[in-house]
Amino acid sequence: MAPASNPLLHLQPDGWLAPAAGVTLAPSPNFDTRPANGPIDLLVIHNISLPPNVFEGNAIIDFFQNKLDISSHPWFENIRGVTVSAHFLIRRNGDIVQFVSTLDRAWHAGVSNHHGRQVCNDFSIGIEMEGSDFCPFEAAQYQRLNELSQALAERHDLHAIRGHEHIAPGRKTDPGPFFDWKAYASNSPWPRPHFPDLADSD
């Protein structure tokens, strides 16, 4: 399916979003080079909040940039020394933060498997939705996710969209039970076979 033209977001040849309202580039040091000549064909949806279930401040950005003040909250001791990243974060108000070029390998999936292929970081793009397993996501986030999906579809030949829970079952649960896969699929540039199993009816 050819994606519709998207005037709101545009992914440049270097894998970074072009300047746009509500888009911030916050480069993370937590990335490396993808395997040579490998595909980039999987999109992985996550959720994140730091501390858990708190949706304010810049702790997620600081964490992905290795700048988090561990002393600022007791829970942060659980992630001391952890170095991770994702390509994108969609905040509760719909703002997008990009940390890693889509051409590079962000460290978001960990131990993972998709259709027999291990190390999903090698061939995937990771999007973090600011949220948790315990509450709905915001309409503004779905809107921006759809806009970002359009931009990604114009640049990368993504064949599948999965949650972290699908590629690391038993280890991860995100994006969680409140993520509306059918709503996302109904407005995405990709046909439903790209998505996890969904009922035919809405």
N, C-alpha and C. Protein backbone atom coordinates (compact mmCIF):
# COMPACT_ATOMS: atom_id res chain seq x y z
N MET A 1 0.85 -1.19 0.00
CA MET A 1 0.00 0.00 0.00
C MET A 1 0.88 1.24 0.00
N ALA A 2 0.68 2.11 -0.93
CA ALA A 2 1.46 3.34 -0.99
C ALA A 2 0.95 4.32 0.06
N PRO A 3 1.83 4.84 0.91
CA PRO A 3 1.38 5.77 1.95
C PRO A 3 0.92 7.09 1.34
N ALA A 4 -0.03 7.71 2.02
CA ALA A 4 -0.48 9.03 1.59
C ALA A 4 0.61 10.06 1.85
N SER A 5 0.60 11.12 1.07
CA SER A 5 1.57 12.18 1.30
C SER A 5 1.34 12.79 2.67
N ASN A 6 2.42 13.01 3.40
CA ASN A 6 2.31 13.51 4.77
C ASN A 6 3.07 14.82 4.91
N PRO A 7 2.36 15.94 4.95
CA PRO A 7 3.04 17.23 5.03
C PRO A 7 3.51 17.58 6.44
N LEU A 8 3.10 16.81 7.44
CA LEU A 8 3.37 17.20 8.81
C LEU A 8 4.74 16.75 9.29
N LEU A 9 5.15 15.53 8.94
CA LEU A 9 6.43 15.00 9.36
C LEU A 9 7.16 14.44 8.15
N HIS A 10 8.46 14.64 8.12
CA HIS A 10 9.25 14.13 7.00
C HIS A 10 10.56 13.60 7.54
N LEU A 11 10.87 12.36 7.19
CA LEU A 11 12.13 11.74 7.58
C LEU A 11 13.17 12.03 6.50
N GLN A 12 14.23 12.67 6.90
CA GLN A 12 15.27 13.06 5.97
C GLN A 12 16.14 11.86 5.58
N PRO A 13 16.94 11.99 4.51
CA PRO A 13 17.78 10.86 4.09
C PRO A 13 18.72 10.33 5.17
N ASP A 14 19.08 11.17 6.14
CA ASP A 14 19.97 10.72 7.21
C ASP A 14 19.23 10.02 8.34
N GLY A 15 17.91 9.84 8.19
CA GLY A 15 17.15 9.12 9.21
C GLY A 15 16.66 9.96 10.36
N TRP A 16 16.83 11.27 10.28
CA TRP A 16 16.33 12.19 11.32
C TRP A 16 15.13 12.95 10.78
N LEU A 17 14.17 13.23 11.66
CA LEU A 17 13.01 14.02 11.26
C LEU A 17 13.43 15.44 10.92
N ALA A 18 12.81 15.98 9.88
CA ALA A 18 13.02 17.37 9.54
C ALA A 18 12.38 18.26 10.61
N PRO A 19 12.87 19.47 10.77
CA PRO A 19 12.26 20.37 11.75
C PRO A 19 10.76 20.52 11.52
N ALA A 20 10.01 20.44 12.60
CA ALA A 20 8.55 20.56 12.53
C ALA A 20 8.04 20.92 13.91
N ALA A 21 6.84 21.47 13.97
CA ALA A 21 6.24 21.81 15.25
C ALA A 21 6.09 20.55 16.09
N GLY A 22 6.48 20.65 17.35
CA GLY A 22 6.32 19.53 18.26
C GLY A 22 7.33 18.43 18.08
N VAL A 23 8.40 18.68 17.36
CA VAL A 23 9.47 17.70 17.15
C VAL A 23 10.76 18.23 17.74
N THR A 24 11.40 17.42 18.59
CA THR A 24 12.68 17.76 19.20
C THR A 24 13.67 16.65 18.90
N LEU A 25 14.87 17.02 18.54
CA LEU A 25 15.96 16.05 18.37
C LEU A 25 16.82 16.09 19.61
N ALA A 26 17.00 14.93 20.25
CA ALA A 26 17.79 14.83 21.47
C ALA A 26 18.71 13.62 21.33
N PRO A 27 19.77 13.75 20.57
CA PRO A 27 20.62 12.60 20.25
C PRO A 27 21.10 11.85 21.50
N SER A 28 20.97 10.53 21.44
CA SER A 28 21.42 9.65 22.51
C SER A 28 22.75 9.02 22.12
N PRO A 29 23.64 8.81 23.09
CA PRO A 29 24.88 8.08 22.79
C PRO A 29 24.66 6.57 22.72
N ASN A 30 23.45 6.13 23.06
CA ASN A 30 23.19 4.70 23.17
C ASN A 30 22.66 4.14 21.85
N PHE A 31 23.57 3.97 20.92
CA PHE A 31 23.23 3.40 19.62
C PHE A 31 24.51 2.85 19.02
N ASP A 32 24.37 2.06 17.98
CA ASP A 32 25.53 1.62 17.21
C ASP A 32 25.08 1.33 15.78
N THR A 33 25.99 0.77 15.00
CA THR A 33 25.73 0.56 13.59
C THR A 33 24.96 -0.73 13.36
N ARG A 34 23.99 -0.69 12.49
CA ARG A 34 23.25 -1.89 12.13
C ARG A 34 24.15 -2.82 11.30
N PRO A 35 23.81 -4.12 11.23
CA PRO A 35 24.55 -5.02 10.35
C PRO A 35 24.54 -4.52 8.91
N ALA A 36 25.64 -4.65 8.23
CA ALA A 36 25.77 -4.15 6.86
C ALA A 36 24.75 -4.80 5.94
N ASN A 37 24.08 -3.96 5.16
CA ASN A 37 23.14 -4.42 4.13
C ASN A 37 21.93 -5.18 4.68
N GLY A 38 21.69 -5.06 5.98
CA GLY A 38 20.53 -5.73 6.57
C GLY A 38 19.26 -4.92 6.37
N PRO A 39 18.10 -5.57 6.46
CA PRO A 39 16.84 -4.87 6.31
C PRO A 39 16.50 -4.03 7.54
N ILE A 40 15.64 -3.07 7.35
CA ILE A 40 14.99 -2.35 8.45
C ILE A 40 13.50 -2.53 8.18
N ASP A 41 12.91 -3.57 8.75
CA ASP A 41 11.57 -3.96 8.31
C ASP A 41 10.58 -4.24 9.44
N LEU A 42 10.95 -3.90 10.67
CA LEU A 42 10.07 -4.14 11.82
C LEU A 42 9.94 -2.85 12.62
N LEU A 43 8.70 -2.51 13.00
CA LEU A 43 8.43 -1.39 13.89
C LEU A 43 7.96 -1.96 15.22
N VAL A 44 8.58 -1.52 16.31
CA VAL A 44 8.26 -2.02 17.64
C VAL A 44 7.71 -0.87 18.48
N ILE A 45 6.52 -1.11 19.08
CA ILE A 45 5.87 -0.11 19.93
C ILE A 45 6.10 -0.49 21.40
N HIS A 46 6.49 0.49 22.19
CA HIS A 46 6.76 0.32 23.61
C HIS A 46 5.91 1.30 24.41
N ASN A 47 5.94 1.16 25.73
CA ASN A 47 5.53 2.27 26.59
C ASN A 47 6.61 2.50 27.63
N ILE A 48 6.65 3.73 28.14
CA ILE A 48 7.64 4.06 29.16
C ILE A 48 7.12 5.23 29.99
N SER A 49 7.43 5.21 31.27
CA SER A 49 7.22 6.35 32.16
C SER A 49 8.27 6.27 33.25
N LEU A 50 8.81 7.42 33.61
CA LEU A 50 9.85 7.50 34.63
C LEU A 50 9.59 8.68 35.54
N PRO A 51 9.47 8.38 36.89
CA PRO A 51 9.31 7.05 37.46
C PRO A 51 8.02 6.41 36.97
N PRO A 52 7.80 5.12 37.23
CA PRO A 52 6.62 4.44 36.70
C PRO A 52 5.32 5.18 37.00
N ASN A 53 4.51 5.35 35.96
CA ASN A 53 3.18 5.95 36.05
C ASN A 53 3.20 7.45 36.36
N VAL A 54 4.34 8.09 36.16
CA VAL A 54 4.44 9.54 36.29
C VAL A 54 4.69 10.11 34.91
N PHE A 55 3.82 11.02 34.47
CA PHE A 55 3.88 11.54 33.11
C PHE A 55 4.16 13.05 33.12
N GLU A 56 5.33 13.39 33.54
CA GLU A 56 5.74 14.79 33.55
C GLU A 56 7.25 14.84 33.68
N GLY A 57 7.81 15.99 33.36
CA GLY A 57 9.25 16.14 33.48
C GLY A 57 10.00 15.51 32.31
N ASN A 58 11.32 15.56 32.41
CA ASN A 58 12.19 15.11 31.32
C ASN A 58 13.03 13.89 31.70
N ALA A 59 12.55 13.09 32.64
CA ALA A 59 13.35 11.95 33.09
C ALA A 59 13.62 10.95 31.97
N ILE A 60 12.64 10.72 31.09
CA ILE A 60 12.85 9.77 29.99
C ILE A 60 13.95 10.26 29.07
N ILE A 61 13.89 11.54 28.73
CA ILE A 61 14.91 12.11 27.86
C ILE A 61 16.28 12.03 28.52
N ASP A 62 16.35 12.40 29.78
CA ASP A 62 17.62 12.33 30.51
C ASP A 62 18.13 10.89 30.56
N PHE A 63 17.24 9.94 30.77
CA PHE A 63 17.63 8.53 30.85
C PHE A 63 18.25 8.06 29.54
N PHE A 64 17.61 8.39 28.43
CA PHE A 64 18.12 7.95 27.13
C PHE A 64 19.40 8.67 26.74
N GLN A 65 19.68 9.80 27.38
CA GLN A 65 20.92 10.53 27.10
C GLN A 65 21.98 10.30 28.18
N ASN A 66 21.73 9.35 29.09
CA ASN A 66 22.66 9.02 30.18
C ASN A 66 22.90 10.21 31.10
N LYS A 67 21.88 11.05 31.27
CA LYS A 67 22.00 12.24 32.11
C LYS A 67 21.05 12.21 33.31
N LEU A 68 20.38 11.08 33.54
CA LEU A 68 19.37 11.02 34.60
C LEU A 68 20.02 11.15 35.97
N ASP A 69 19.48 12.04 36.79
CA ASP A 69 19.92 12.21 38.17
C ASP A 69 19.29 11.10 39.01
N ILE A 70 20.06 10.08 39.29
CA ILE A 70 19.53 8.91 40.02
C ILE A 70 19.02 9.31 41.40
N SER A 71 19.61 10.34 41.99
CA SER A 71 19.21 10.75 43.34
C SER A 71 17.88 11.48 43.38
N SER A 72 17.32 11.81 42.20
CA SER A 72 16.10 12.63 42.17
C SER A 72 14.84 11.85 42.49
N HIS A 73 14.91 10.52 42.49
CA HIS A 73 13.75 9.70 42.86
C HIS A 73 14.25 8.34 43.31
N PRO A 74 13.71 7.78 44.40
CA PRO A 74 14.21 6.49 44.90
C PRO A 74 14.12 5.36 43.88
N TRP A 75 13.10 5.37 43.02
CA TRP A 75 12.93 4.26 42.07
C TRP A 75 14.07 4.20 41.06
N PHE A 76 14.70 5.34 40.81
CA PHE A 76 15.74 5.38 39.78
C PHE A 76 16.95 4.51 40.10
N GLU A 77 17.07 4.07 41.36
CA GLU A 77 18.14 3.13 41.69
C GLU A 77 18.00 1.84 40.88
N ASN A 78 16.77 1.52 40.47
CA ASN A 78 16.53 0.29 39.70
C ASN A 78 17.15 0.34 38.31
N ILE A 79 17.46 1.54 37.82
CA ILE A 79 18.00 1.65 36.47
C ILE A 79 19.38 2.31 36.47
N ARG A 80 20.00 2.35 37.61
CA ARG A 80 21.36 2.89 37.67
C ARG A 80 22.27 2.10 36.73
N GLY A 81 23.02 2.78 35.90
CA GLY A 81 23.97 2.13 35.01
C GLY A 81 23.38 1.53 33.76
N VAL A 82 22.05 1.57 33.60
CA VAL A 82 21.40 1.01 32.42
C VAL A 82 21.57 1.99 31.26
N THR A 83 21.96 1.48 30.10
CA THR A 83 22.12 2.32 28.91
C THR A 83 21.23 1.78 27.81
N VAL A 84 20.15 2.50 27.56
CA VAL A 84 19.18 2.11 26.54
C VAL A 84 18.76 3.35 25.75
N SER A 85 17.99 3.11 24.70
CA SER A 85 17.46 4.20 23.91
C SER A 85 16.32 3.66 23.07
N ALA A 86 15.65 4.55 22.38
CA ALA A 86 14.70 4.19 21.33
C ALA A 86 14.90 5.21 20.22
N HIS A 87 14.32 4.96 19.08
CA HIS A 87 14.43 5.96 18.02
C HIS A 87 13.56 7.17 18.33
N PHE A 88 12.34 6.92 18.86
CA PHE A 88 11.39 8.01 19.09
C PHE A 88 10.66 7.83 20.42
N LEU A 89 10.26 8.95 20.98
CA LEU A 89 9.33 9.01 22.12
C LEU A 89 8.17 9.90 21.72
N ILE A 90 6.95 9.43 21.96
CA ILE A 90 5.77 10.27 21.76
C ILE A 90 5.20 10.59 23.14
N ARG A 91 5.26 11.85 23.51
CA ARG A 91 4.84 12.29 24.83
C ARG A 91 3.31 12.36 24.92
N ARG A 92 2.81 12.56 26.12
CA ARG A 92 1.36 12.53 26.35
C ARG A 92 0.64 13.61 25.53
N ASN A 93 1.30 14.72 25.28
CA ASN A 93 0.66 15.80 24.51
C ASN A 93 0.87 15.66 23.01
N GLY A 94 1.53 14.58 22.59
CA GLY A 94 1.76 14.35 21.17
C GLY A 94 3.11 14.84 20.67
N ASP A 95 3.86 15.52 21.48
CA ASP A 95 5.20 15.94 21.05
C ASP A 95 6.07 14.71 20.80
N ILE A 96 6.95 14.82 19.80
CA ILE A 96 7.85 13.73 19.44
C ILE A 96 9.27 14.14 19.78
N VAL A 97 10.00 13.24 20.41
CA VAL A 97 11.43 13.40 20.65
C VAL A 97 12.14 12.27 19.90
N GLN A 98 13.11 12.62 19.07
CA GLN A 98 13.90 11.60 18.38
C GLN A 98 15.28 11.53 19.00
N PHE A 99 15.72 10.30 19.28
CA PHE A 99 17.00 10.08 19.95
C PHE A 99 18.06 9.48 19.04
N VAL A 100 17.63 8.69 18.07
CA VAL A 100 18.57 7.94 17.22
C VAL A 100 18.06 7.99 15.78
N SER A 101 18.96 8.14 14.84
CA SER A 101 18.59 8.05 13.43
C SER A 101 18.00 6.67 13.15
N THR A 102 17.00 6.62 12.29
CA THR A 102 16.42 5.32 11.95
C THR A 102 17.40 4.44 11.18
N LEU A 103 18.46 5.03 10.66
CA LEU A 103 19.47 4.24 9.96
C LEU A 103 20.39 3.51 10.93
N ASP A 104 20.40 3.95 12.19
CA ASP A 104 21.26 3.34 13.20
C ASP A 104 20.45 2.42 14.12
N ARG A 105 21.16 1.66 14.91
CA ARG A 105 20.55 0.67 15.80
C ARG A 105 20.40 1.26 17.20
N ALA A 106 19.15 1.55 17.57
CA ALA A 106 18.86 1.97 18.95
C ALA A 106 18.76 0.73 19.83
N TRP A 107 18.93 0.93 21.12
CA TRP A 107 18.98 -0.19 22.06
C TRP A 107 17.65 -0.26 22.82
N HIS A 108 16.62 -0.75 22.16
CA HIS A 108 15.27 -0.72 22.73
C HIS A 108 14.65 -2.09 22.95
N ALA A 109 15.04 -3.09 22.19
CA ALA A 109 14.33 -4.37 22.22
C ALA A 109 14.94 -5.39 23.15
N GLY A 110 16.24 -5.35 23.36
CA GLY A 110 16.89 -6.34 24.21
C GLY A 110 16.80 -7.74 23.62
N VAL A 111 16.78 -8.73 24.50
CA VAL A 111 16.64 -10.12 24.05
C VAL A 111 15.28 -10.27 23.40
N SER A 112 15.25 -10.65 22.13
CA SER A 112 14.00 -10.59 21.37
C SER A 112 14.07 -11.52 20.17
N ASN A 113 12.89 -11.79 19.62
CA ASN A 113 12.78 -12.72 18.49
C ASN A 113 11.55 -12.36 17.68
N HIS A 114 11.73 -12.25 16.38
CA HIS A 114 10.59 -12.03 15.49
C HIS A 114 10.68 -13.00 14.34
N HIS A 115 9.76 -13.97 14.34
CA HIS A 115 9.71 -15.00 13.29
C HIS A 115 11.06 -15.69 13.12
N GLY A 116 11.68 -16.03 14.25
CA GLY A 116 12.93 -16.76 14.21
C GLY A 116 14.17 -15.90 14.10
N ARG A 117 14.01 -14.61 13.90
CA ARG A 117 15.16 -13.71 13.83
C ARG A 117 15.42 -13.13 15.21
N GLN A 118 16.62 -13.35 15.71
CA GLN A 118 17.00 -12.86 17.02
C GLN A 118 17.50 -11.42 16.92
N VAL A 119 17.68 -10.79 18.08
CA VAL A 119 18.26 -9.45 18.20
C VAL A 119 17.50 -8.46 17.29
N CYS A 120 16.27 -8.20 17.68
CA CYS A 120 15.41 -7.35 16.84
C CYS A 120 15.93 -5.93 16.68
N ASN A 121 16.81 -5.49 17.57
CA ASN A 121 17.41 -4.17 17.38
C ASN A 121 18.09 -4.04 16.02
N ASP A 122 18.59 -5.16 15.50
CA ASP A 122 19.32 -5.11 14.24
C ASP A 122 18.47 -4.59 13.08
N PHE A 123 17.18 -4.91 13.11
CA PHE A 123 16.34 -4.66 11.93
C PHE A 123 15.05 -3.91 12.27
N SER A 124 14.99 -3.29 13.43
CA SER A 124 13.74 -2.63 13.84
C SER A 124 13.94 -1.17 14.16
N ILE A 125 12.80 -0.48 14.19
CA ILE A 125 12.70 0.91 14.66
C ILE A 125 11.82 0.89 15.90
N GLY A 126 12.27 1.53 16.97
CA GLY A 126 11.53 1.52 18.22
C GLY A 126 10.87 2.85 18.53
N ILE A 127 9.58 2.80 18.84
CA ILE A 127 8.82 3.99 19.25
C ILE A 127 8.32 3.78 20.67
N GLU A 128 8.67 4.67 21.55
CA GLU A 128 8.17 4.67 22.94
C GLU A 128 6.97 5.60 23.03
N MET A 129 5.88 5.07 23.57
CA MET A 129 4.73 5.89 23.91
C MET A 129 4.81 6.20 25.40
N GLU A 130 4.78 7.49 25.75
CA GLU A 130 4.81 7.83 27.17
C GLU A 130 3.51 7.35 27.80
N GLY A 131 3.62 6.38 28.68
CA GLY A 131 2.44 5.77 29.28
C GLY A 131 2.84 4.56 30.08
N SER A 132 1.85 3.71 30.37
CA SER A 132 2.11 2.51 31.16
C SER A 132 1.09 1.45 30.80
N ASP A 133 1.22 0.30 31.44
CA ASP A 133 0.27 -0.79 31.23
C ASP A 133 -1.06 -0.55 31.93
N PHE A 134 -1.20 0.57 32.65
CA PHE A 134 -2.31 0.72 33.58
C PHE A 134 -3.26 1.86 33.26
N CYS A 135 -3.08 2.54 32.14
CA CYS A 135 -3.99 3.62 31.80
C CYS A 135 -4.00 3.84 30.30
N PRO A 136 -5.08 4.40 29.77
CA PRO A 136 -5.16 4.64 28.32
C PRO A 136 -4.13 5.67 27.86
N PHE A 137 -3.78 5.57 26.61
CA PHE A 137 -2.96 6.58 25.97
C PHE A 137 -3.86 7.72 25.50
N GLU A 138 -3.25 8.85 25.19
CA GLU A 138 -4.00 10.04 24.81
C GLU A 138 -4.27 10.07 23.30
N ALA A 139 -5.39 10.71 22.94
CA ALA A 139 -5.73 10.84 21.51
C ALA A 139 -4.61 11.53 20.75
N ALA A 140 -3.96 12.53 21.36
CA ALA A 140 -2.87 13.24 20.70
C ALA A 140 -1.71 12.31 20.38
N GLN A 141 -1.51 11.29 21.21
CA GLN A 141 -0.42 10.35 20.95
C GLN A 141 -0.73 9.48 19.74
N TYR A 142 -1.96 9.02 19.62
CA TYR A 142 -2.32 8.21 18.45
C TYR A 142 -2.23 9.04 17.17
N GLN A 143 -2.63 10.29 17.25
CA GLN A 143 -2.54 11.16 16.08
C GLN A 143 -1.10 11.29 15.61
N ARG A 144 -0.21 11.54 16.56
CA ARG A 144 1.19 11.70 16.20
C ARG A 144 1.82 10.37 15.79
N LEU A 145 1.37 9.28 16.40
CA LEU A 145 1.87 7.97 15.99
C LEU A 145 1.50 7.70 14.54
N ASN A 146 0.29 8.07 14.15
CA ASN A 146 -0.12 7.88 12.76
C ASN A 146 0.70 8.77 11.82
N GLU A 147 0.95 10.01 12.22
CA GLU A 147 1.76 10.90 11.39
C GLU A 147 3.19 10.38 11.27
N LEU A 148 3.74 9.91 12.37
CA LEU A 148 5.09 9.36 12.34
C LEU A 148 5.14 8.09 11.50
N SER A 149 4.10 7.27 11.61
CA SER A 149 4.04 6.05 10.80
C SER A 149 4.06 6.37 9.32
N GLN A 150 3.33 7.41 8.93
CA GLN A 150 3.34 7.83 7.53
C GLN A 150 4.75 8.20 7.09
N ALA A 151 5.44 8.98 7.92
CA ALA A 151 6.79 9.41 7.57
C ALA A 151 7.73 8.21 7.48
N LEU A 152 7.58 7.25 8.37
CA LEU A 152 8.43 6.05 8.34
C LEU A 152 8.13 5.20 7.12
N ALA A 153 6.84 5.11 6.76
CA ALA A 153 6.46 4.30 5.61
C ALA A 153 7.01 4.86 4.31
N GLU A 154 7.18 6.17 4.26
CA GLU A 154 7.72 6.79 3.06
C GLU A 154 9.22 6.55 2.92
N ARG A 155 9.87 6.18 4.01
CA ARG A 155 11.34 6.04 4.00
C ARG A 155 11.79 4.59 4.13
N HIS A 156 11.04 3.76 4.88
CA HIS A 156 11.47 2.39 5.18
C HIS A 156 10.39 1.39 4.78
N ASP A 157 10.82 0.25 4.29
CA ASP A 157 9.91 -0.81 3.86
C ASP A 157 9.62 -1.73 5.05
N LEU A 158 8.78 -1.22 5.96
CA LEU A 158 8.45 -1.97 7.17
C LEU A 158 7.38 -3.01 6.86
N HIS A 159 7.65 -4.25 7.20
CA HIS A 159 6.75 -5.36 6.89
C HIS A 159 5.90 -5.80 8.06
N ALA A 160 6.25 -5.38 9.28
CA ALA A 160 5.51 -5.82 10.46
C ALA A 160 5.58 -4.76 11.54
N ILE A 161 4.51 -4.66 12.32
CA ILE A 161 4.43 -3.79 13.48
C ILE A 161 4.06 -4.66 14.67
N ARG A 162 4.86 -4.61 15.71
CA ARG A 162 4.64 -5.44 16.89
C ARG A 162 4.86 -4.61 18.15
N GLY A 163 4.30 -5.10 19.25
CA GLY A 163 4.61 -4.54 20.54
C GLY A 163 5.84 -5.24 21.11
N HIS A 164 6.46 -4.60 22.10
CA HIS A 164 7.59 -5.23 22.78
C HIS A 164 7.16 -6.58 23.35
N GLU A 165 5.91 -6.64 23.78
CA GLU A 165 5.37 -7.88 24.35
C GLU A 165 5.36 -9.03 23.34
N HIS A 166 5.27 -8.72 22.07
CA HIS A 166 5.19 -9.77 21.04
C HIS A 166 6.56 -10.33 20.69
N ILE A 167 7.60 -9.51 20.81
CA ILE A 167 8.93 -9.98 20.44
C ILE A 167 9.76 -10.40 21.67
N ALA A 168 9.24 -10.14 22.87
CA ALA A 168 9.90 -10.57 24.10
C ALA A 168 8.84 -11.08 25.08
N PRO A 169 8.04 -12.07 24.66
CA PRO A 169 6.93 -12.54 25.51
C PRO A 169 7.45 -13.15 26.81
N GLY A 170 6.74 -12.86 27.89
CA GLY A 170 7.14 -13.34 29.20
C GLY A 170 8.15 -12.44 29.88
N ARG A 171 8.83 -11.63 29.12
CA ARG A 171 9.81 -10.69 29.67
C ARG A 171 9.29 -9.26 29.67
N LYS A 172 8.51 -8.91 28.63
CA LYS A 172 7.97 -7.57 28.50
C LYS A 172 6.46 -7.63 28.27
N THR A 173 5.77 -6.58 28.70
CA THR A 173 4.31 -6.53 28.57
C THR A 173 3.83 -5.32 27.78
N ASP A 174 4.75 -4.44 27.41
CA ASP A 174 4.34 -3.20 26.75
C ASP A 174 4.16 -3.39 25.24
N PRO A 175 3.33 -2.57 24.62
CA PRO A 175 2.73 -1.34 25.15
C PRO A 175 1.54 -1.55 26.08
N GLY A 176 1.15 -2.80 26.30
CA GLY A 176 0.17 -3.08 27.34
C GLY A 176 -1.27 -3.14 26.87
N PRO A 177 -2.17 -3.51 27.79
CA PRO A 177 -3.57 -3.77 27.44
C PRO A 177 -4.35 -2.53 27.03
N PHE A 178 -3.86 -1.34 27.34
CA PHE A 178 -4.59 -0.13 26.99
C PHE A 178 -4.18 0.44 25.63
N PHE A 179 -3.19 -0.17 24.99
CA PHE A 179 -2.84 0.30 23.66
C PHE A 179 -3.86 -0.22 22.66
N ASP A 180 -4.46 0.67 21.89
CA ASP A 180 -5.55 0.32 20.98
C ASP A 180 -4.99 -0.03 19.61
N TRP A 181 -4.67 -1.30 19.42
CA TRP A 181 -4.07 -1.75 18.17
C TRP A 181 -5.02 -1.56 16.99
N LYS A 182 -6.30 -1.82 17.20
CA LYS A 182 -7.24 -1.70 16.08
C LYS A 182 -7.38 -0.25 15.63
N ALA A 183 -7.40 0.67 16.57
CA ALA A 183 -7.48 2.09 16.20
C ALA A 183 -6.22 2.51 15.45
N TYR A 184 -5.07 2.04 15.93
CA TYR A 184 -3.81 2.36 15.24
C TYR A 184 -3.82 1.78 13.83
N ALA A 185 -4.21 0.52 13.69
CA ALA A 185 -4.19 -0.13 12.39
C ALA A 185 -5.15 0.53 11.41
N SER A 186 -6.29 0.99 11.92
CA SER A 186 -7.30 1.55 11.03
C SER A 186 -6.87 2.88 10.42
N ASN A 187 -5.89 3.54 11.01
CA ASN A 187 -5.43 4.83 10.51
C ASN A 187 -3.98 4.80 10.04
N SER A 188 -3.40 3.63 9.93
CA SER A 188 -1.99 3.53 9.57
C SER A 188 -1.82 3.42 8.07
N PRO A 189 -0.60 3.63 7.57
CA PRO A 189 -0.34 3.47 6.14
C PRO A 189 -0.15 2.02 5.73
N TRP A 190 -0.15 1.10 6.71
CA TRP A 190 0.08 -0.31 6.40
C TRP A 190 -1.20 -1.11 6.50
N PRO A 191 -1.37 -2.15 5.70
CA PRO A 191 -2.55 -3.01 5.81
C PRO A 191 -2.50 -3.85 7.09
N ARG A 192 -3.64 -4.37 7.47
CA ARG A 192 -3.74 -5.09 8.74
C ARG A 192 -2.82 -6.30 8.88
N PRO A 193 -2.49 -7.02 7.79
CA PRO A 193 -1.58 -8.15 7.99
C PRO A 193 -0.23 -7.78 8.59
N HIS A 194 0.12 -6.50 8.55
CA HIS A 194 1.37 -6.08 9.16
C HIS A 194 1.30 -6.10 10.70
N PHE A 195 0.10 -6.12 11.24
CA PHE A 195 -0.11 -5.94 12.68
C PHE A 195 -0.26 -7.28 13.41
N PRO A 196 -0.20 -7.26 14.74
CA PRO A 196 -0.54 -8.46 15.51
C PRO A 196 -1.95 -8.90 15.17
N ASP A 197 -2.29 -10.13 15.51
CA ASP A 197 -3.62 -10.64 15.20
C ASP A 197 -4.70 -9.71 15.70
N LEU A 198 -5.57 -9.26 14.79
CA LEU A 198 -6.66 -8.36 15.13
C LEU A 198 -7.96 -8.93 14.62
N ALA A 199 -9.02 -8.73 15.35
CA ALA A 199 -10.33 -9.17 14.88
C ALA A 199 -10.69 -8.40 13.62
N ASP A 200 -11.44 -9.03 12.74
CA ASP A 200 -11.83 -8.38 11.49
C ASP A 200 -12.75 -7.19 11.71
N SER A 201 -13.54 -7.25 12.77
CA SER A 201 -14.47 -6.16 13.04
C SER A 201 -13.87 -5.22 14.06
N ASP A 202 -14.34 -3.99 14.01
CA ASP A 202 -13.88 -2.99 14.96
C ASP A 202 -14.80 -2.95 16.17
